[in-house]
Every structure is written in C-alpha cells, then in structure tokens.
Amino acid sequence: MSQIIYKITPQAPWREAEANGRFTGAPIDVADGFIHFSTAAQVAETAAKHFSGQTDLLLVAIDGIGLGDALKYEVSRGGALFPHLYGVLDLKAVLWVKPLPLGADGTHQFPPLEGQ
C-alpha cells in the first residue's frame, strides 16, 4: 500500500533537483531543517496559505512509504499532523510531477489526488 504525500515547489529548484537526482528542499525547508510535505487533504490549504497567487509551480507526488524512518508526521498548522522529511528526497520516491496552474478565480487547480 502506498502512502502518497505532496510537495508544492517552484519549477526552478525542482528542475535543478531532477538534474542532481535529489531534492534538498526549498529555502524554507533548509531553514526549518526538514522538507515540508502535505497530505492530499492538506495540500490545497498549503497552496492557499504559502503559495497564493504564485505561478510556475509544480505539484510533486511522493510515495511516503519509500522514505522510511526519515519521514515523520508532526503537529503543525491547526494541530494537524503534517509529513516532514528529515533528510534529502531521493527522486526514486517520486511518483509524478504535474504543473499547478492558477485558475481564473486565482486559486491553484489541482489534478485528482489520491487520499482525498
């Protein structure tokens, strides 16, 4: 059984990660000491709170099971448990990468997500 988690990222750092075979995180991840992820139920709110109005974003789906013990679910926004990766994201755990465009209403338009 897979445990799908999601990362929203600007295209530039993700394309660099693809070239290097690993993602070390966005500046906020580096500052916090872990890579921030969201579950399917959390990712739209994450987009609205942290990426409002931003274009050029990607949505990355990751198999959380493949991340092992470095993936921890910790209390964050509103007391909810959010997935945090204490380490580098090996791109072998990535299931897919899709554009995360803004719709006419100014909100991000998500593809169908597993686990909603």
C-alpha atoms as a PDB file:
ATOM      1  CA  MET A   1       0.000   0.000   0.000  1.00  0.00           C
ATOM      2  CA  SER A   2       1.369   3.410  -0.844  1.00  0.00           C
ATOM      3  CA  GLN A   3       1.134   6.484   1.310  1.00  0.00           C
ATOM      4  CA  ILE A   4       1.074   9.432  -1.102  1.00  0.00           C
ATOM      5  CA  ILE A   5       2.296  12.817   0.118  1.00  0.00           C
ATOM      6  CA  TYR A   6       2.679  16.026  -1.864  1.00  0.00           C
ATOM      7  CA  LYS A   7       5.229  18.812  -2.289  1.00  0.00           C
ATOM      8  CA  ILE A   8       4.491  22.174  -3.896  1.00  0.00           C
ATOM      9  CA  THR A   9       7.610  23.760  -5.350  1.00  0.00           C
ATOM     10  CA  PRO A  10       8.584  26.402  -7.884  1.00  0.00           C
ATOM     11  CA  GLN A  11       9.834  24.852 -11.118  1.00  0.00           C
ATOM     12  CA  ALA A  12      13.439  26.118 -10.950  1.00  0.00           C
ATOM     13  CA  PRO A  13      14.566  24.291  -7.784  1.00  0.00           C
ATOM     14  CA  TRP A  14      12.731  21.160  -8.894  1.00  0.00           C
ATOM     15  CA  ARG A  15      14.426  21.132 -12.303  1.00  0.00           C
ATOM     16  CA  GLU A  16      17.766  21.507 -10.500  1.00  0.00           C
ATOM     17  CA  ALA A  17      16.831  18.566  -8.284  1.00  0.00           C
ATOM     18  CA  GLU A  18      15.987  16.478 -11.346  1.00  0.00           C
ATOM     19  CA  ALA A  19      19.422  17.246 -12.775  1.00  0.00           C
ATOM     20  CA  ASN A  20      21.071  16.229  -9.484  1.00  0.00           C
ATOM     21  CA  GLY A  21      18.844  13.219  -8.747  1.00  0.00           C
ATOM     22  CA  ARG A  22      17.894  14.577  -5.319  1.00  0.00           C
ATOM     23  CA  PHE A  23      15.895  17.397  -3.749  1.00  0.00           C
ATOM     24  CA  THR A  24      17.413  19.079  -0.715  1.00  0.00           C
ATOM     25  CA  GLY A  25      14.453  21.391  -0.179  1.00  0.00           C
ATOM     26  CA  ALA A  26      13.273  24.910  -0.784  1.00  0.00           C
ATOM     27  CA  PRO A  27      14.775  27.735   1.313  1.00  0.00           C
ATOM     28  CA  ILE A  28      12.034  27.337   3.966  1.00  0.00           C
ATOM     29  CA  ASP A  29      12.827  23.614   4.199  1.00  0.00           C
ATOM     30  CA  VAL A  30      16.533  24.268   4.642  1.00  0.00           C
ATOM     31  CA  ALA A  31      15.818  26.917   7.292  1.00  0.00           C
ATOM     32  CA  ASP A  32      13.469  24.592   9.215  1.00  0.00           C
ATOM     33  CA  GLY A  33      15.770  21.562   8.976  1.00  0.00           C
ATOM     34  CA  PHE A  34      13.289  19.319   7.175  1.00  0.00           C
ATOM     35  CA  ILE A  35      11.357  19.150   3.907  1.00  0.00           C
ATOM     36  CA  HIS A  36       7.705  20.158   4.268  1.00  0.00           C
ATOM     37  CA  PHE A  37       5.052  17.959   2.668  1.00  0.00           C
ATOM     38  CA  SER A  38       1.254  17.814   2.819  1.00  0.00           C
ATOM     39  CA  THR A  39      -1.281  15.036   2.605  1.00  0.00           C
ATOM     40  CA  ALA A  40      -3.959  15.127  -0.085  1.00  0.00           C
ATOM     41  CA  ALA A  41      -6.386  16.598   2.449  1.00  0.00           C
ATOM     42  CA  GLN A  42      -3.921  19.367   3.384  1.00  0.00           C
ATOM     43  CA  VAL A  43      -2.290  20.387   0.113  1.00  0.00           C
ATOM     44  CA  ALA A  44      -4.935  22.825  -1.178  1.00  0.00           C
ATOM     45  CA  GLU A  45      -4.799  24.785   2.079  1.00  0.00           C
ATOM     46  CA  THR A  46      -0.998  24.730   1.920  1.00  0.00           C
ATOM     47  CA  ALA A  47      -1.164  26.205  -1.588  1.00  0.00           C
ATOM     48  CA  ALA A  48      -3.574  28.938  -0.478  1.00  0.00           C
ATOM     49  CA  LYS A  49      -1.560  29.817   2.646  1.00  0.00           C
ATOM     50  CA  HIS A  50       2.011  29.660   1.355  1.00  0.00           C
ATOM     51  CA  PHE A  51       1.786  29.983  -2.454  1.00  0.00           C
ATOM     52  CA  SER A  52      -1.180  32.332  -3.013  1.00  0.00           C
ATOM     53  CA  GLY A  53      -1.096  33.902  -6.470  1.00  0.00           C
ATOM     54  CA  GLN A  54       2.165  32.184  -7.442  1.00  0.00           C
ATOM     55  CA  THR A  55       2.537  30.794 -10.908  1.00  0.00           C
ATOM     56  CA  ASP A  56       5.265  28.492 -12.233  1.00  0.00           C
ATOM     57  CA  LEU A  57       4.583  25.908  -9.517  1.00  0.00           C
ATOM     58  CA  LEU A  58       4.765  22.146  -9.653  1.00  0.00           C
ATOM     59  CA  LEU A  59       2.931  19.553  -7.600  1.00  0.00           C
ATOM     60  CA  VAL A  60       5.076  16.528  -6.808  1.00  0.00           C
ATOM     61  CA  ALA A  61       3.554  13.249  -5.598  1.00  0.00           C
ATOM     62  CA  ILE A  62       5.822  11.103  -3.452  1.00  0.00           C
ATOM     63  CA  ASP A  63       5.485   7.565  -2.104  1.00  0.00           C
ATOM     64  CA  GLY A  64       5.919   8.265   1.613  1.00  0.00           C
ATOM     65  CA  ILE A  65       6.491   4.593   2.424  1.00  0.00           C
ATOM     66  CA  GLY A  66       9.680   4.699   0.357  1.00  0.00           C
ATOM     67  CA  LEU A  67      11.110   7.446   2.567  1.00  0.00           C
ATOM     68  CA  GLY A  68      11.410   5.179   5.595  1.00  0.00           C
ATOM     69  CA  ASP A  69      12.058   6.427   9.109  1.00  0.00           C
ATOM     70  CA  ALA A  70      13.256   9.854   7.920  1.00  0.00           C
ATOM     71  CA  LEU A  71       9.583  10.763   7.321  1.00  0.00           C
ATOM     72  CA  LYS A  72       7.857  11.958  10.484  1.00  0.00           C
ATOM     73  CA  TYR A  73       4.286  13.147  10.982  1.00  0.00           C
ATOM     74  CA  GLU A  74       4.408  16.136  13.305  1.00  0.00           C
ATOM     75  CA  VAL A  75       1.883  18.599  14.697  1.00  0.00           C
ATOM     76  CA  SER A  76       1.734  21.784  12.654  1.00  0.00           C
ATOM     77  CA  ARG A  77      -0.976  24.102  11.329  1.00  0.00           C
ATOM     78  CA  GLY A  78      -4.152  23.862  13.392  1.00  0.00           C
ATOM     79  CA  GLY A  79      -2.843  20.886  15.348  1.00  0.00           C
ATOM     80  CA  ALA A  80      -2.896  18.637  12.266  1.00  0.00           C
ATOM     81  CA  LEU A  81      -0.160  16.091  11.627  1.00  0.00           C
ATOM     82  CA  PHE A  82       1.968  17.049   8.634  1.00  0.00           C
ATOM     83  CA  PRO A  83       4.615  14.888   6.932  1.00  0.00           C
ATOM     84  CA  HIS A  84       8.167  16.211   7.350  1.00  0.00           C
ATOM     85  CA  LEU A  85      11.238  14.595   5.807  1.00  0.00           C
ATOM     86  CA  TYR A  86      14.434  14.804   7.833  1.00  0.00           C
ATOM     87  CA  GLY A  87      16.859  14.219   5.016  1.00  0.00           C
ATOM     88  CA  VAL A  88      17.215  14.542   1.289  1.00  0.00           C
ATOM     89  CA  LEU A  89      14.391  13.468  -1.018  1.00  0.00           C
ATOM     90  CA  ASP A  90      15.650  10.720  -3.300  1.00  0.00           C
ATOM     91  CA  LEU A  91      13.830  11.227  -6.588  1.00  0.00           C
ATOM     92  CA  LYS A  92      13.249   7.475  -6.851  1.00  0.00           C
ATOM     93  CA  ALA A  93      10.365   8.028  -4.396  1.00  0.00           C
ATOM     94  CA  VAL A  94       8.660  10.478  -6.790  1.00  0.00           C
ATOM     95  CA  LEU A  95       5.529   9.081  -8.441  1.00  0.00           C
ATOM     96  CA  TRP A  96       4.746  12.036 -10.704  1.00  0.00           C
ATOM     97  CA  VAL A  97       5.270  15.764 -11.231  1.00  0.00           C
ATOM     98  CA  LYS A  98       2.493  17.953 -12.659  1.00  0.00           C
ATOM     99  CA  PRO A  99       2.002  21.679 -13.229  1.00  0.00           C
ATOM    100  CA  LEU A 100      -0.014  23.506 -10.569  1.00  0.00           C
ATOM    101  CA  PRO A 101      -1.615  26.351 -12.537  1.00  0.00           C
ATOM    102  CA  LEU A 102      -3.747  29.187 -11.259  1.00  0.00           C
ATOM    103  CA  GLY A 103      -7.377  29.116 -12.314  1.00  0.00           C
ATOM    104  CA  ALA A 104      -9.461  32.092 -13.403  1.00  0.00           C
ATOM    105  CA  ASP A 105     -10.562  32.531  -9.782  1.00  0.00           C
ATOM    106  CA  GLY A 106      -6.933  32.881  -8.627  1.00  0.00           C
ATOM    107  CA  THR A 107      -6.755  29.537  -6.816  1.00  0.00           C
ATOM    108  CA  HIS A 108      -4.495  26.684  -7.788  1.00  0.00           C
ATOM    109  CA  GLN A 109      -6.060  23.986  -9.931  1.00  0.00           C
ATOM    110  CA  PHE A 110      -5.156  20.543  -8.618  1.00  0.00           C
ATOM    111  CA  PRO A 111      -5.194  17.299 -10.560  1.00  0.00           C
ATOM    112  CA  PRO A 112      -7.075  14.392  -8.954  1.00  0.00           C
ATOM    113  CA  LEU A 113      -5.220  13.342  -5.797  1.00  0.00           C
ATOM    114  CA  GLU A 114      -5.048  10.009  -4.045  1.00  0.00           C
ATOM    115  CA  GLY A 115      -6.079  10.054  -0.417  1.00  0.00           C
ATOM    116  CA  GLN A 116      -8.638  12.884  -0.509  1.00  0.00           C
END
